[in-house]
Protein backbone atom coordinates (compact mmCIF):
# COMPACT_ATOMS: atom_id res chain seq x y z
CA MET A 1 -46.78 -92.78 23.65
CA SER A 2 -48.74 -92.08 20.46
CA LEU A 3 -52.00 -92.76 22.33
CA ALA A 4 -51.13 -90.04 24.88
CA PHE A 5 -50.33 -87.45 22.20
CA GLY A 6 -53.44 -88.44 20.21
CA SER A 7 -55.62 -88.09 23.30
CA LEU A 8 -54.06 -84.75 24.14
CA GLY A 9 -54.61 -83.53 20.59
CA VAL A 10 -58.27 -84.59 20.62
CA LEU A 11 -58.88 -82.97 24.01
CA ALA A 12 -57.21 -79.70 22.95
CA ALA A 13 -59.20 -79.68 19.69
CA LEU A 14 -62.47 -80.24 21.59
CA LEU A 15 -61.70 -77.41 24.00
CA ALA A 16 -60.79 -75.14 21.06
CA VAL A 17 -64.16 -75.86 19.47
CA ILE A 18 -65.95 -75.08 22.76
CA ASN A 19 -64.08 -71.77 23.05
CA ALA A 20 -64.84 -70.91 19.43
CA ALA A 21 -68.54 -71.57 20.10
CA GLN A 22 -68.40 -69.34 23.18
CA THR A 23 -66.89 -66.63 21.00
CA PHE A 24 -69.69 -66.98 18.46
CA PHE A 25 -72.56 -67.16 20.96
CA GLY A 26 -71.14 -64.79 23.59
CA ARG A 27 -72.16 -66.97 26.53
CA ARG A 28 -70.43 -69.56 28.71
CA PHE A 29 -71.32 -73.21 28.34
CA VAL A 30 -69.57 -74.18 31.59
CA ARG A 31 -70.45 -71.71 34.33
CA SER A 32 -68.38 -71.06 37.41
CA LEU A 33 -70.06 -69.51 40.40
CA SER A 34 -67.37 -66.93 41.13
CA SER A 35 -66.86 -65.51 37.63
CA ALA A 36 -69.21 -62.93 36.15
CA ARG A 37 -67.41 -61.66 33.04
CA PRO A 38 -69.26 -59.41 30.59
CA ALA A 39 -70.00 -60.88 27.14
CA ARG A 40 -67.48 -58.68 25.36
CA ARG A 41 -64.63 -59.85 27.63
CA LEU A 42 -65.79 -63.45 27.40
CA ARG A 43 -65.75 -63.30 23.61
CA ALA A 44 -62.26 -61.80 23.54
CA GLU A 45 -60.79 -64.28 25.99
CA SER A 46 -62.55 -67.25 24.36
CA ALA A 47 -61.28 -66.29 20.91
CA VAL A 48 -57.71 -66.13 22.16
CA ALA A 49 -58.11 -69.35 24.16
CA ALA A 50 -59.37 -71.08 20.98
CA VAL A 51 -56.15 -70.03 19.24
CA VAL A 52 -54.00 -71.31 22.13
CA LEU A 53 -55.81 -74.65 22.17
CA SER A 54 -55.63 -74.99 18.41
CA GLY A 55 -51.86 -74.56 18.72
CA ALA A 56 -51.77 -77.22 21.44
CA SER A 57 -53.76 -79.58 19.24
CA LEU A 58 -51.45 -78.88 16.30
CA ALA A 59 -48.38 -79.53 18.44
CA ALA A 60 -49.78 -82.79 19.85
CA PHE A 61 -50.81 -84.14 16.44
CA GLY A 62 -47.54 -82.79 15.01
CA VAL A 63 -45.53 -85.05 17.30
CA LEU A 64 -47.32 -87.98 15.67
CA ALA A 65 -46.87 -86.61 12.16
CA GLY A 66 -43.24 -85.53 12.58
CA GLY A 67 -41.52 -82.73 10.75
CA GLN A 68 -41.98 -79.06 11.68
CA TRP A 69 -45.59 -79.40 12.92
CA PRO A 70 -44.77 -79.41 16.66
CA ALA A 71 -42.69 -76.22 16.28
CA LEU A 72 -45.54 -74.54 14.39
CA GLY A 73 -48.00 -75.59 17.10
CA GLY A 74 -45.69 -74.23 19.74
CA ALA A 75 -45.41 -70.92 17.92
CA VAL A 76 -49.19 -70.64 17.66
CA MET A 77 -49.54 -71.43 21.38
CA LEU A 78 -46.91 -68.82 22.30
CA ALA A 79 -48.59 -66.16 20.19
CA GLY A 80 -51.95 -67.06 21.73
CA TRP A 81 -50.61 -66.83 25.28
CA ILE A 82 -49.13 -63.39 24.56
CA ALA A 83 -52.46 -62.27 23.07
CA LEU A 84 -54.32 -63.63 26.12
CA VAL A 85 -52.11 -61.60 28.46
CA LEU A 86 -52.73 -58.47 26.36
CA VAL A 87 -56.49 -59.04 26.27
CA ARG A 88 -56.70 -59.54 30.01
CA ARG A 89 -54.49 -56.52 30.62
CA ARG A 90 -56.75 -54.40 28.39
CA PHE A 91 -59.90 -55.41 30.24
CA THR A 92 -58.23 -55.05 33.66
CA ALA A 93 -57.18 -51.51 32.79
CA ARG A 94 -60.78 -50.59 31.94
CA ALA A 95 -62.15 -51.85 35.26
């Protein structure tokens, strides 16, 4: 069980770092053929996704550590998901 949470935490942390790098550089590292988002939208969505994945990593490692860490990770994830919905709504309204 601890191996599963540890692996999940490492994967979420790695994805958070990739999203943070996309925010910094303003370009995608993994390209999909159907998506052509402008750099400004990509940066905004990547920044919020980095927060969500940081919360997931915190929650996964928090299960191993015990205490209030999983709840804190869940709160960070929830706040990130709400921010992601707001960012996507803002850019959809502009289009």
